[in-house]
Amino acid sequence: MSRLSEHDRDQRDLRILELLDEGLTQAAAADATGVTRGLVAKLVSHIREDIAAQPYPERERAQ
C-alpha cells in the first residue's frame, strides 16, 4: 500500500469536500474518490472540530 504525498492527500480531501458541497452523501463521496466512508467521516469530523475551535466575533464583542 503506497502512501499519498501531503499534496496528493490535500487534493483528495479537497475533492471530497467539493463532492459533499455538491450534495453527495459521505458514502457516495467515498465511492467517487476510492476511499472508505470512515475516512470521509473522519475528515468531516476534523473539519467540524476545527470550526468549533474558531472564535466567534460576536462572542468577542460581547465580552
Foldseek 3Di string as FASTA:
>chain_A
DDDDDPVVVVVLLVQLVVVVVVPDDLCVSCVVSVHHSVVSVVSVVVVVVVVVPDDDPVVVVVD
